[in-house]
């Protein structure tokens, strides 16, 4: 994974919206795209909760596993705990909303204009 991250880790998507296990614990995924436009999973974790402290711990572990190299950009949903953790652990990374969340926000806020 570290080799893939070295080549394709400039832009990382981080998501915790999958809750398919029986305890409904968040499954966190760090995902990117390779040069064939295929998904590349850089890391995954089953979390206990979605607090700022948990995300800071996870991002620090990810950073350590990837040789201390932060992603140039990281795309997430708009959760406040994730945003605060990114500012703390990846201060030089660009943090943006993923396109799916942008389109969902547009539908909710713009209604029939979309």
PDB file of N, CA and C in Angstrom:
ATOM      1  N   UNK A   1       0.810  -1.195   0.000  1.00  0.00           N
ATOM      2  CA  UNK A   1       0.000   0.000   0.000  1.00  0.00           C
ATOM      3  C   UNK A   1       0.856   1.263   0.000  1.00  0.00           C
ATOM      4  N   UNK A   2       1.958   1.210   0.713  1.00  0.00           N
ATOM      5  CA  UNK A   2       2.800   2.407   0.793  1.00  0.00           C
ATOM      6  C   UNK A   2       3.363   2.766  -0.582  1.00  0.00           C
ATOM      7  N   UNK A   3       3.685   1.742  -1.391  1.00  0.00           N
ATOM      8  CA  UNK A   3       4.176   1.991  -2.744  1.00  0.00           C
ATOM      9  C   UNK A   3       3.084   2.655  -3.581  1.00  0.00           C
ATOM     10  N   UNK A   4       1.845   2.126  -3.504  1.00  0.00           N
ATOM     11  CA  UNK A   4       0.726   2.746  -4.219  1.00  0.00           C
ATOM     12  C   UNK A   4       0.535   4.187  -3.775  1.00  0.00           C
ATOM     13  N   UNK A   5       0.610   4.421  -2.476  1.00  0.00           N
ATOM     14  CA  UNK A   5       0.425   5.772  -1.944  1.00  0.00           C
ATOM     15  C   UNK A   5       1.511   6.714  -2.458  1.00  0.00           C
ATOM     16  N   UNK A   6       2.720   6.210  -2.559  1.00  0.00           N
ATOM     17  CA  UNK A   6       3.831   7.018  -3.072  1.00  0.00           C
ATOM     18  C   UNK A   6       3.520   7.543  -4.477  1.00  0.00           C
ATOM     19  N   UNK A   7       2.924   6.689  -5.308  1.00  0.00           N
ATOM     20  CA  UNK A   7       2.636   7.077  -6.689  1.00  0.00           C
ATOM     21  C   UNK A   7       1.272   7.739  -6.870  1.00  0.00           C
ATOM     22  N   UNK A   8       0.270   7.344  -6.081  1.00  0.00           N
ATOM     23  CA  UNK A   8      -1.101   7.780  -6.338  1.00  0.00           C
ATOM     24  C   UNK A   8      -1.757   8.476  -5.153  1.00  0.00           C
ATOM     25  N   UNK A   9      -0.989   8.863  -4.130  1.00  0.00           N
ATOM     26  CA  UNK A   9      -1.555   9.434  -2.915  1.00  0.00           C
ATOM     27  C   UNK A   9      -1.699  10.940  -2.896  1.00  0.00           C
ATOM     28  N   UNK A  10      -1.550  11.587  -4.038  1.00  0.00           N
ATOM     29  CA  UNK A  10      -1.700  13.047  -4.063  1.00  0.00           C
ATOM     30  C   UNK A  10      -3.106  13.472  -3.668  1.00  0.00           C
ATOM     31  N   UNK A  11      -4.083  12.721  -4.121  1.00  0.00           N
ATOM     32  CA  UNK A  11      -5.481  13.027  -3.839  1.00  0.00           C
ATOM     33  C   UNK A  11      -6.128  11.815  -3.180  1.00  0.00           C
ATOM     34  N   UNK A  12      -6.614  11.997  -1.956  1.00  0.00           N
ATOM     35  CA  UNK A  12      -7.170  10.903  -1.170  1.00  0.00           C
ATOM     36  C   UNK A  12      -8.606  11.231  -0.800  1.00  0.00           C
ATOM     37  N   UNK A  13      -9.460  10.242  -0.914  1.00  0.00           N
ATOM     38  CA  UNK A  13     -10.833  10.375  -0.437  1.00  0.00           C
ATOM     39  C   UNK A  13     -10.941   9.607   0.872  1.00  0.00           C
ATOM     40  N   UNK A  14     -11.531  10.252   1.887  1.00  0.00           N
ATOM     41  CA  UNK A  14     -11.704   9.610   3.186  1.00  0.00           C
ATOM     42  C   UNK A  14     -13.191   9.561   3.479  1.00  0.00           C
ATOM     43  N   UNK A  15     -13.696   8.374   3.785  1.00  0.00           N
ATOM     44  CA  UNK A  15     -15.138   8.214   3.989  1.00  0.00           C
ATOM     45  C   UNK A  15     -15.422   7.284   5.151  1.00  0.00           C
ATOM     46  N   UNK A  16     -16.438   7.617   5.933  1.00  0.00           N
ATOM     47  CA  UNK A  16     -16.855   6.768   7.047  1.00  0.00           C
ATOM     48  C   UNK A  16     -18.351   6.485   6.999  1.00  0.00           C
ATOM     49  N   UNK A  17     -18.961   6.592   5.851  1.00  0.00           N
ATOM     50  CA  UNK A  17     -20.414   6.453   5.787  1.00  0.00           C
ATOM     51  C   UNK A  17     -20.896   5.017   5.725  1.00  0.00           C
ATOM     52  N   UNK A  18     -20.016   4.063   5.597  1.00  0.00           N
ATOM     53  CA  UNK A  18     -20.431   2.670   5.505  1.00  0.00           C
ATOM     54  C   UNK A  18     -20.584   2.092   6.908  1.00  0.00           C
ATOM     55  N   UNK A  19     -21.769   1.610   7.226  1.00  0.00           N
ATOM     56  CA  UNK A  19     -22.033   1.030   8.544  1.00  0.00           C
ATOM     57  C   UNK A  19     -22.724  -0.317   8.360  1.00  0.00           C
ATOM     58  N   UNK A  20     -22.018  -1.267   7.824  1.00  0.00           N
ATOM     59  CA  UNK A  20     -22.638  -2.551   7.498  1.00  0.00           C
ATOM     60  C   UNK A  20     -22.420  -3.612   8.568  1.00  0.00           C
ATOM     61  N   UNK A  21     -21.595  -3.343   9.567  1.00  0.00           N
ATOM     62  CA  UNK A  21     -21.389  -4.350  10.594  1.00  0.00           C
ATOM     63  C   UNK A  21     -22.512  -4.293  11.626  1.00  0.00           C
ATOM     64  N   UNK A  22     -22.673  -5.342  12.413  1.00  0.00           N
ATOM     65  CA  UNK A  22     -23.834  -5.437  13.293  1.00  0.00           C
ATOM     66  C   UNK A  22     -23.827  -4.421  14.432  1.00  0.00           C
ATOM     67  N   UNK A  23     -22.706  -3.869  14.811  1.00  0.00           N
ATOM     68  CA  UNK A  23     -22.658  -2.836  15.848  1.00  0.00           C
ATOM     69  C   UNK A  23     -22.784  -1.430  15.274  1.00  0.00           C
ATOM     70  N   UNK A  24     -22.897  -1.313  13.973  1.00  0.00           N
ATOM     71  CA  UNK A  24     -22.995  -0.022  13.280  1.00  0.00           C
ATOM     72  C   UNK A  24     -21.789   0.866  13.564  1.00  0.00           C
ATOM     73  N   UNK A  25     -20.639   0.263  13.671  1.00  0.00           N
ATOM     74  CA  UNK A  25     -19.403   1.022  13.858  1.00  0.00           C
ATOM     75  C   UNK A  25     -18.955   1.574  12.514  1.00  0.00           C
ATOM     76  N   UNK A  26     -18.396   2.770  12.511  1.00  0.00           N
ATOM     77  CA  UNK A  26     -17.935   3.354  11.246  1.00  0.00           C
ATOM     78  C   UNK A  26     -16.728   2.602  10.678  1.00  0.00           C
ATOM     79  N   UNK A  27     -16.807   2.283   9.405  1.00  0.00           N
ATOM     80  CA  UNK A  27     -15.673   1.730   8.674  1.00  0.00           C
ATOM     81  C   UNK A  27     -15.056   2.880   7.901  1.00  0.00           C
ATOM     82  N   UNK A  28     -13.839   3.224   8.238  1.00  0.00           N
ATOM     83  CA  UNK A  28     -13.154   4.355   7.611  1.00  0.00           C
ATOM     84  C   UNK A  28     -12.249   3.858   6.497  1.00  0.00           C
ATOM     85  N   UNK A  29     -12.353   4.476   5.328  1.00  0.00           N
ATOM     86  CA  UNK A  29     -11.537   4.089   4.178  1.00  0.00           C
ATOM     87  C   UNK A  29     -10.756   5.278   3.639  1.00  0.00           C
ATOM     88  N   UNK A  30      -9.487   5.045   3.334  1.00  0.00           N
ATOM     89  CA  UNK A  30      -8.638   5.997   2.623  1.00  0.00           C
ATOM     90  C   UNK A  30      -8.489   5.446   1.210  1.00  0.00           C
ATOM     91  N   UNK A  31      -9.005   6.162   0.215  1.00  0.00           N
ATOM     92  CA  UNK A  31      -9.068   5.647  -1.147  1.00  0.00           C
ATOM     93  C   UNK A  31      -8.508   6.675  -2.126  1.00  0.00           C
ATOM     94  N   UNK A  32      -7.881   6.201  -3.188  1.00  0.00           N
ATOM     95  CA  UNK A  32      -7.410   7.047  -4.276  1.00  0.00           C
ATOM     96  C   UNK A  32      -7.655   6.342  -5.604  1.00  0.00           C
ATOM     97  N   UNK A  33      -7.111   6.911  -6.666  1.00  0.00           N
ATOM     98  CA  UNK A  33      -7.211   6.322  -8.002  1.00  0.00           C
ATOM     99  C   UNK A  33      -5.821   6.097  -8.558  1.00  0.00           C
ATOM    100  N   UNK A  34      -5.638   4.962  -9.237  1.00  0.00           N
ATOM    101  CA  UNK A  34      -4.350   4.715  -9.874  1.00  0.00           C
ATOM    102  C   UNK A  34      -4.362   5.254 -11.308  1.00  0.00           C
ATOM    103  N   UNK A  35      -3.295   5.000 -12.053  1.00  0.00           N
ATOM    104  CA  UNK A  35      -3.185   5.529 -13.410  1.00  0.00           C
ATOM    105  C   UNK A  35      -4.124   4.847 -14.402  1.00  0.00           C
ATOM    106  N   UNK A  36      -4.839   3.799 -13.982  1.00  0.00           N
ATOM    107  CA  UNK A  36      -5.832   3.129 -14.824  1.00  0.00           C
ATOM    108  C   UNK A  36      -7.253   3.519 -14.408  1.00  0.00           C
ATOM    109  N   UNK A  37      -7.353   4.565 -13.585  1.00  0.00           N
ATOM    110  CA  UNK A  37      -8.636   5.059 -13.063  1.00  0.00           C
ATOM    111  C   UNK A  37      -9.366   4.000 -12.235  1.00  0.00           C
ATOM    112  N   UNK A  38      -8.606   3.158 -11.572  1.00  0.00           N
ATOM    113  CA  UNK A  38      -9.161   2.149 -10.687  1.00  0.00           C
ATOM    114  C   UNK A  38      -8.982   2.599  -9.242  1.00  0.00           C
ATOM    115  N   UNK A  39      -9.937   2.220  -8.385  1.00  0.00           N
ATOM    116  CA  UNK A  39      -9.823   2.548  -6.974  1.00  0.00           C
ATOM    117  C   UNK A  39      -8.626   1.849  -6.355  1.00  0.00           C
ATOM    118  N   UNK A  40      -7.917   2.569  -5.516  1.00  0.00           N
ATOM    119  CA  UNK A  40      -6.805   2.022  -4.765  1.00  0.00           C
ATOM    120  C   UNK A  40      -7.065   2.311  -3.293  1.00  0.00           C
ATOM    121  N   UNK A  41      -7.170   1.280  -2.480  1.00  0.00           N
ATOM    122  CA  UNK A  41      -7.396   1.461  -1.042  1.00  0.00           C
ATOM    123  C   UNK A  41      -6.040   1.591  -0.373  1.00  0.00           C
ATOM    124  N   UNK A  42      -5.822   2.739   0.255  1.00  0.00           N
ATOM    125  CA  UNK A  42      -4.555   2.991   0.950  1.00  0.00           C
ATOM    126  C   UNK A  42      -4.611   2.534   2.400  1.00  0.00           C
ATOM    127  N   UNK A  43      -5.801   2.503   2.970  1.00  0.00           N
ATOM    128  CA  UNK A  43      -5.930   2.080   4.360  1.00  0.00           C
ATOM    129  C   UNK A  43      -7.388   1.986   4.760  1.00  0.00           C
ATOM    130  N   UNK A  44      -7.634   1.247   5.837  1.00  0.00           N
ATOM    131  CA  UNK A  44      -8.989   1.081   6.351  1.00  0.00           C
ATOM    132  C   UNK A  44      -8.917   0.865   7.851  1.00  0.00           C
ATOM    133  N   UNK A  45      -9.971   1.261   8.549  1.00  0.00           N
ATOM    134  CA  UNK A  45     -10.032   1.064   9.996  1.00  0.00           C
ATOM    135  C   UNK A  45     -11.484   0.944  10.429  1.00  0.00           C
ATOM    136  N   UNK A  46     -11.719   0.097  11.392  1.00  0.00           N
ATOM    137  CA  UNK A  46     -13.025  -0.006  12.021  1.00  0.00           C
ATOM    138  C   UNK A  46     -12.954   0.823  13.299  1.00  0.00           C
ATOM    139  N   UNK A  47     -13.737   1.879  13.370  1.00  0.00           N
ATOM    140  CA  UNK A  47     -13.657   2.832  14.471  1.00  0.00           C
ATOM    141  C   UNK A  47     -14.724   2.583  15.518  1.00  0.00           C
ATOM    142  N   UNK A  48     -14.467   3.072  16.729  1.00  0.00           N
ATOM    143  CA  UNK A  48     -15.446   2.971  17.810  1.00  0.00           C
ATOM    144  C   UNK A  48     -16.471   4.093  17.724  1.00  0.00           C
ATOM    145  N   UNK A  49     -16.009   5.277  17.357  1.00  0.00           N
ATOM    146  CA  UNK A  49     -16.903   6.431  17.261  1.00  0.00           C
ATOM    147  C   UNK A  49     -16.362   7.406  16.221  1.00  0.00           C
ATOM    148  N   UNK A  50     -17.028   8.534  16.049  1.00  0.00           N
ATOM    149  CA  UNK A  50     -16.619   9.545  15.062  1.00  0.00           C
ATOM    150  C   UNK A  50     -16.352  10.877  15.749  1.00  0.00           C
ATOM    151  N   UNK A  51     -15.460  10.857  16.728  1.00  0.00           N
ATOM    152  CA  UNK A  51     -15.087  12.076  17.443  1.00  0.00           C
ATOM    153  C   UNK A  51     -13.797  12.648  16.864  1.00  0.00           C
ATOM    154  N   UNK A  52     -13.536  13.889  17.185  1.00  0.00           N
ATOM    155  CA  UNK A  52     -12.298  14.532  16.735  1.00  0.00           C
ATOM    156  C   UNK A  52     -11.077  13.766  17.228  1.00  0.00           C
ATOM    157  N   UNK A  53     -11.105  13.333  18.484  1.00  0.00           N
ATOM    158  CA  UNK A  53      -9.961  12.593  19.041  1.00  0.00           C
ATOM    159  C   UNK A  53      -9.717  11.291  18.276  1.00  0.00           C
ATOM    160  N   UNK A  54     -10.772  10.592  17.914  1.00  0.00           N
ATOM    161  CA  UNK A  54     -10.636   9.341  17.158  1.00  0.00           C
ATOM    162  C   UNK A  54     -10.058   9.599  15.778  1.00  0.00           C
ATOM    163  N   UNK A  55     -10.566  10.634  15.095  1.00  0.00           N
ATOM    164  CA  UNK A  55     -10.054  10.942  13.762  1.00  0.00           C
ATOM    165  C   UNK A  55      -8.605  11.427  13.816  1.00  0.00           C
ATOM    166  N   UNK A  56      -8.241  12.203  14.825  1.00  0.00           N
ATOM    167  CA  UNK A  56      -6.847  12.640  14.955  1.00  0.00           C
ATOM    168  C   UNK A  56      -5.932  11.436  15.151  1.00  0.00           C
ATOM    169  N   UNK A  57      -6.350  10.498  15.995  1.00  0.00           N
ATOM    170  CA  UNK A  57      -5.566   9.280  16.194  1.00  0.00           C
ATOM    171  C   UNK A  57      -5.426   8.525  14.875  1.00  0.00           C
ATOM    172  N   UNK A  58      -6.537   8.340  14.167  1.00  0.00           N
ATOM    173  CA  UNK A  58      -6.509   7.594  12.902  1.00  0.00           C
ATOM    174  C   UNK A  58      -5.633   8.284  11.866  1.00  0.00           C
ATOM    175  N   UNK A  59      -5.765   9.594  11.715  1.00  0.00           N
ATOM    176  CA  UNK A  59      -4.965  10.323  10.728  1.00  0.00           C
ATOM    177  C   UNK A  59      -3.483  10.273  11.079  1.00  0.00           C
ATOM    178  N   UNK A  60      -3.153  10.331  12.363  1.00  0.00           N
ATOM    179  CA  UNK A  60      -1.753  10.204  12.769  1.00  0.00           C
ATOM    180  C   UNK A  60      -1.210   8.814  12.461  1.00  0.00           C
ATOM    181  N   UNK A  61      -2.028   7.773  12.654  1.00  0.00           N
ATOM    182  CA  UNK A  61      -1.608   6.417  12.311  1.00  0.00           C
ATOM    183  C   UNK A  61      -1.398   6.280  10.803  1.00  0.00           C
ATOM    184  N   UNK A  62      -2.312   6.845  10.032  1.00  0.00           N
ATOM    185  CA  UNK A  62      -2.195   6.819   8.575  1.00  0.00           C
ATOM    186  C   UNK A  62      -0.916   7.532   8.139  1.00  0.00           C
ATOM    187  N   UNK A  63      -0.664   8.698   8.710  1.00  0.00           N
ATOM    188  CA  UNK A  63       0.530   9.475   8.384  1.00  0.00           C
ATOM    189  C   UNK A  63       1.798   8.675   8.695  1.00  0.00           C
ATOM    190  N   UNK A  64       1.817   8.004   9.817  1.00  0.00           N
ATOM    191  CA  UNK A  64       2.977   7.189  10.192  1.00  0.00           C
ATOM    192  C   UNK A  64       3.165   6.026   9.208  1.00  0.00           C
ATOM    193  N   UNK A  65       2.065   5.367   8.837  1.00  0.00           N
ATOM    194  CA  UNK A  65       2.144   4.238   7.903  1.00  0.00           C
ATOM    195  C   UNK A  65       2.614   4.667   6.518  1.00  0.00           C
ATOM    196  N   UNK A  66       2.325   5.904   6.144  1.00  0.00           N
ATOM    197  CA  UNK A  66       2.683   6.400   4.817  1.00  0.00           C
ATOM    198  C   UNK A  66       3.998   7.186   4.837  1.00  0.00           C
ATOM    199  N   UNK A  67       4.834   6.914   5.816  1.00  0.00           N
ATOM    200  CA  UNK A  67       6.165   7.507   5.868  1.00  0.00           C
ATOM    201  C   UNK A  67       6.166   8.991   6.151  1.00  0.00           C
ATOM    202  N   UNK A  68       5.126   9.495   6.814  1.00  0.00           N
ATOM    203  CA  UNK A  68       5.066  10.907   7.177  1.00  0.00           C
ATOM    204  C   UNK A  68       4.651  11.826   6.040  1.00  0.00           C
ATOM    205  N   UNK A  69       4.191  11.259   4.933  1.00  0.00           N
ATOM    206  CA  UNK A  69       3.811  12.060   3.763  1.00  0.00           C
ATOM    207  C   UNK A  69       2.303  12.320   3.786  1.00  0.00           C
ATOM    208  N   UNK A  70       1.929  13.589   3.925  1.00  0.00           N
ATOM    209  CA  UNK A  70       0.515  13.978   3.904  1.00  0.00           C
ATOM    210  C   UNK A  70       0.010  14.010   2.465  1.00  0.00           C
ATOM    211  N   UNK A  71      -1.278  13.737   2.267  1.00  0.00           N
ATOM    212  CA  UNK A  71      -1.829  13.895   0.912  1.00  0.00           C
ATOM    213  C   UNK A  71      -1.863  15.374   0.536  1.00  0.00           C
ATOM    214  N   UNK A  72      -1.715  15.659  -0.755  1.00  0.00           N
ATOM    215  CA  UNK A  72      -1.826  17.054  -1.192  1.00  0.00           C
ATOM    216  C   UNK A  72      -3.254  17.557  -1.020  1.00  0.00           C
ATOM    217  N   UNK A  73      -4.221  16.684  -1.292  1.00  0.00           N
ATOM    218  CA  UNK A  73      -5.632  17.038  -1.104  1.00  0.00           C
ATOM    219  C   UNK A  73      -6.361  15.829  -0.528  1.00  0.00           C
ATOM    220  N   UNK A  74      -7.345  16.119   0.326  1.00  0.00           N
ATOM    221  CA  UNK A  74      -8.148  15.070   0.932  1.00  0.00           C
ATOM    222  C   UNK A  74      -9.610  15.482   0.832  1.00  0.00           C
ATOM    223  N   UNK A  75     -10.442  14.579   0.330  1.00  0.00           N
ATOM    224  CA  UNK A  75     -11.858  14.865   0.104  1.00  0.00           C
ATOM    225  C   UNK A  75     -12.696  14.019   1.062  1.00  0.00           C
ATOM    226  N   UNK A  76     -13.632  14.679   1.743  1.00  0.00           N
ATOM    227  CA  UNK A  76     -14.453  14.019   2.753  1.00  0.00           C
ATOM    228  C   UNK A  76     -15.881  14.536   2.668  1.00  0.00           C
ATOM    229  N   UNK A  77     -16.718  14.055   3.600  1.00  0.00           N
ATOM    230  CA  UNK A  77     -18.020  14.676   3.777  1.00  0.00           C
ATOM    231  C   UNK A  77     -17.797  15.937   4.616  1.00  0.00           C
ATOM    232  N   UNK A  78     -18.847  16.579   5.062  1.00  0.00           N
ATOM    233  CA  UNK A  78     -18.670  17.852   5.767  1.00  0.00           C
ATOM    234  C   UNK A  78     -18.741  17.716   7.282  1.00  0.00           C
ATOM    235  N   UNK A  79     -18.397  16.560   7.839  1.00  0.00           N
ATOM    236  CA  UNK A  79     -18.415  16.360   9.283  1.00  0.00           C
ATOM    237  C   UNK A  79     -17.403  17.272   9.971  1.00  0.00           C
ATOM    238  N   UNK A  80     -17.863  17.957  10.998  1.00  0.00           N
ATOM    239  CA  UNK A  80     -17.010  18.914  11.718  1.00  0.00           C
ATOM    240  C   UNK A  80     -15.820  18.226  12.378  1.00  0.00           C
ATOM    241  N   UNK A  81     -16.020  17.023  12.934  1.00  0.00           N
ATOM    242  CA  UNK A  81     -14.927  16.317  13.604  1.00  0.00           C
ATOM    243  C   UNK A  81     -13.819  15.943  12.618  1.00  0.00           C
ATOM    244  N   UNK A  82     -14.203  15.538  11.416  1.00  0.00           N
ATOM    245  CA  UNK A  82     -13.200  15.200  10.398  1.00  0.00           C
ATOM    246  C   UNK A  82     -12.444  16.451   9.973  1.00  0.00           C
ATOM    247  N   UNK A  83     -13.167  17.538   9.727  1.00  0.00           N
ATOM    248  CA  UNK A  83     -12.531  18.789   9.296  1.00  0.00           C
ATOM    249  C   UNK A  83     -11.538  19.300  10.329  1.00  0.00           C
ATOM    250  N   UNK A  84     -11.917  19.263  11.600  1.00  0.00           N
ATOM    251  CA  UNK A  84     -11.016  19.722  12.666  1.00  0.00           C
ATOM    252  C   UNK A  84      -9.770  18.849  12.736  1.00  0.00           C
ATOM    253  N   UNK A  85      -9.942  17.559  12.559  1.00  0.00           N
ATOM    254  CA  UNK A  85      -8.807  16.632  12.617  1.00  0.00           C
ATOM    255  C   UNK A  85      -7.864  16.825  11.439  1.00  0.00           C
ATOM    256  N   UNK A  86      -8.418  17.091  10.270  1.00  0.00           N
ATOM    257  CA  UNK A  86      -7.580  17.336   9.092  1.00  0.00           C
ATOM    258  C   UNK A  86      -6.745  18.599   9.290  1.00  0.00           C
ATOM    259  N   UNK A  87      -7.374  19.648   9.811  1.00  0.00           N
ATOM    260  CA  UNK A  87      -6.616  20.886  10.080  1.00  0.00           C
ATOM    261  C   UNK A  87      -5.485  20.635  11.063  1.00  0.00           C
ATOM    262  N   UNK A  88      -5.703  19.746  12.015  1.00  0.00           N
ATOM    263  CA  UNK A  88      -4.699  19.467  13.034  1.00  0.00           C
ATOM    264  C   UNK A  88      -3.570  18.567  12.526  1.00  0.00           C
ATOM    265  N   UNK A  89      -3.915  17.490  11.825  1.00  0.00           N
ATOM    266  CA  UNK A  89      -2.924  16.481  11.432  1.00  0.00           C
ATOM    267  C   UNK A  89      -2.330  16.739  10.045  1.00  0.00           C
ATOM    268  N   UNK A  90      -3.157  17.230   9.112  1.00  0.00           N
ATOM    269  CA  UNK A  90      -2.703  17.500   7.742  1.00  0.00           C
ATOM    270  C   UNK A  90      -2.851  18.990   7.443  1.00  0.00           C
ATOM    271  N   UNK A  91      -2.158  19.873   8.157  1.00  0.00           N
ATOM    272  CA  UNK A  91      -2.395  21.312   7.986  1.00  0.00           C
ATOM    273  C   UNK A  91      -2.055  21.853   6.596  1.00  0.00           C
ATOM    274  N   UNK A  92      -1.175  21.191   5.868  1.00  0.00           N
ATOM    275  CA  UNK A  92      -0.805  21.695   4.543  1.00  0.00           C
ATOM    276  C   UNK A  92      -1.650  21.073   3.421  1.00  0.00           C
ATOM    277  N   UNK A  93      -2.523  20.134   3.762  1.00  0.00           N
ATOM    278  CA  UNK A  93      -3.361  19.479   2.755  1.00  0.00           C
ATOM    279  C   UNK A  93      -4.601  20.311   2.459  1.00  0.00           C
ATOM    280  N   UNK A  94      -5.013  20.320   1.190  1.00  0.00           N
ATOM    281  CA  UNK A  94      -6.275  20.951   0.807  1.00  0.00           C
ATOM    282  C   UNK A  94      -7.407  20.020   1.226  1.00  0.00           C
ATOM    283  N   UNK A  95      -8.415  20.534   1.903  1.00  0.00           N
ATOM    284  CA  UNK A  95      -9.569  19.729   2.314  1.00  0.00           C
ATOM    285  C   UNK A  95     -10.785  20.181   1.520  1.00  0.00           C
ATOM    286  N   UNK A  96     -11.349  19.268   0.744  1.00  0.00           N
ATOM    287  CA  UNK A  96     -12.526  19.584  -0.052  1.00  0.00           C
ATOM    288  C   UNK A  96     -13.625  18.573   0.163  1.00  0.00           C
ATOM    289  N   UNK A  97     -14.831  18.937  -0.252  1.00  0.00           N
ATOM    290  CA  UNK A  97     -15.961  18.019  -0.194  1.00  0.00           C
ATOM    291  C   UNK A  97     -15.933  17.110  -1.410  1.00  0.00           C
ATOM    292  N   UNK A  98     -16.286  15.852  -1.209  1.00  0.00           N
ATOM    293  CA  UNK A  98     -16.345  14.939  -2.349  1.00  0.00           C
ATOM    294  C   UNK A  98     -17.539  15.312  -3.226  1.00  0.00           C
ATOM    295  N   UNK A  99     -17.472  14.944  -4.493  1.00  0.00           N
ATOM    296  CA  UNK A  99     -18.494  15.366  -5.457  1.00  0.00           C
ATOM    297  C   UNK A  99     -19.878  14.818  -5.117  1.00  0.00           C
ATOM    298  N   UNK A 100     -19.949  13.618  -4.526  1.00  0.00           N
ATOM    299  CA  UNK A 100     -21.251  13.066  -4.160  1.00  0.00           C
ATOM    300  C   UNK A 100     -21.922  13.946  -3.108  1.00  0.00           C
ATOM    301  N   UNK A 101     -21.167  14.384  -2.106  1.00  0.00           N
ATOM    302  CA  UNK A 101     -21.745  15.239  -1.068  1.00  0.00           C
ATOM    303  C   UNK A 101     -22.106  16.622  -1.622  1.00  0.00           C
ATOM    304  N   UNK A 102     -21.339  17.119  -2.542  1.00  0.00           N
ATOM    305  CA  UNK A 102     -21.672  18.398  -3.173  1.00  0.00           C
ATOM    306  C   UNK A 102     -22.991  18.282  -3.922  1.00  0.00           C
ATOM    307  N   UNK A 103     -23.162  17.195  -4.691  1.00  0.00           N
ATOM    308  CA  UNK A 103     -24.415  17.033  -5.439  1.00  0.00           C
ATOM    309  C   UNK A 103     -25.597  16.834  -4.501  1.00  0.00           C
ATOM    310  N   UNK A 104     -25.412  16.110  -3.404  1.00  0.00           N
ATOM    311  CA  UNK A 104     -26.496  15.934  -2.436  1.00  0.00           C
ATOM    312  C   UNK A 104     -26.866  17.250  -1.766  1.00  0.00           C
ATOM    313  N   UNK A 105     -25.865  18.065  -1.446  1.00  0.00           N
ATOM    314  CA  UNK A 105     -26.127  19.385  -0.865  1.00  0.00           C
ATOM    315  C   UNK A 105     -26.878  20.264  -1.853  1.00  0.00           C
ATOM    316  N   UNK A 106     -26.539  20.161  -3.125  1.00  0.00           N
ATOM    317  CA  UNK A 106     -27.232  20.955  -4.139  1.00  0.00           C
ATOM    318  C   UNK A 106     -28.698  20.554  -4.237  1.00  0.00           C
ATOM    319  N   UNK A 107     -28.970  19.264  -4.224  1.00  0.00           N
ATOM    320  CA  UNK A 107     -30.355  18.795  -4.293  1.00  0.00           C
ATOM    321  C   UNK A 107     -31.158  19.284  -3.087  1.00  0.00           C
ATOM    322  N   UNK A 108     -30.575  19.173  -1.908  1.00  0.00           N
ATOM    323  CA  UNK A 108     -31.269  19.579  -0.676  1.00  0.00           C
ATOM    324  C   UNK A 108     -31.489  21.085  -0.648  1.00  0.00           C
ATOM    325  N   UNK A 109     -30.472  21.862  -1.001  1.00  0.00           N
ATOM    326  CA  UNK A 109     -30.544  23.317  -0.842  1.00  0.00           C
ATOM    327  C   UNK A 109     -31.081  24.065  -2.038  1.00  0.00           C
ATOM    328  N   UNK A 110     -30.985  23.458  -3.231  1.00  0.00           N
ATOM    329  CA  UNK A 110     -31.446  24.152  -4.430  1.00  0.00           C
ATOM    330  C   UNK A 110     -32.724  23.545  -4.996  1.00  0.00           C
ATOM    331  N   UNK A 111     -33.100  22.389  -4.493  1.00  0.00           N
ATOM    332  CA  UNK A 111     -34.351  21.750  -4.875  1.00  0.00           C
ATOM    333  C   UNK A 111     -34.558  21.628  -6.368  1.00  0.00           C
ATOM    334  N   UNK A 112     -35.600  22.256  -6.859  1.00  0.00           N
ATOM    335  CA  UNK A 112     -35.996  22.100  -8.256  1.00  0.00           C
ATOM    336  C   UNK A 112     -35.045  22.787  -9.259  1.00  0.00           C
ATOM    337  N   UNK A 113     -34.131  23.596  -8.778  1.00  0.00           N
ATOM    338  CA  UNK A 113     -33.177  24.246  -9.685  1.00  0.00           C
ATOM    339  C   UNK A 113     -32.132  23.283 -10.229  1.00  0.00           C
ATOM    340  N   UNK A 114     -31.977  22.123  -9.559  1.00  0.00           N
ATOM    341  CA  UNK A 114     -30.962  21.138  -9.988  1.00  0.00           C
ATOM    342  C   UNK A 114     -31.460  20.289 -11.110  1.00  0.00           C
TER     343      UNK A 114
END
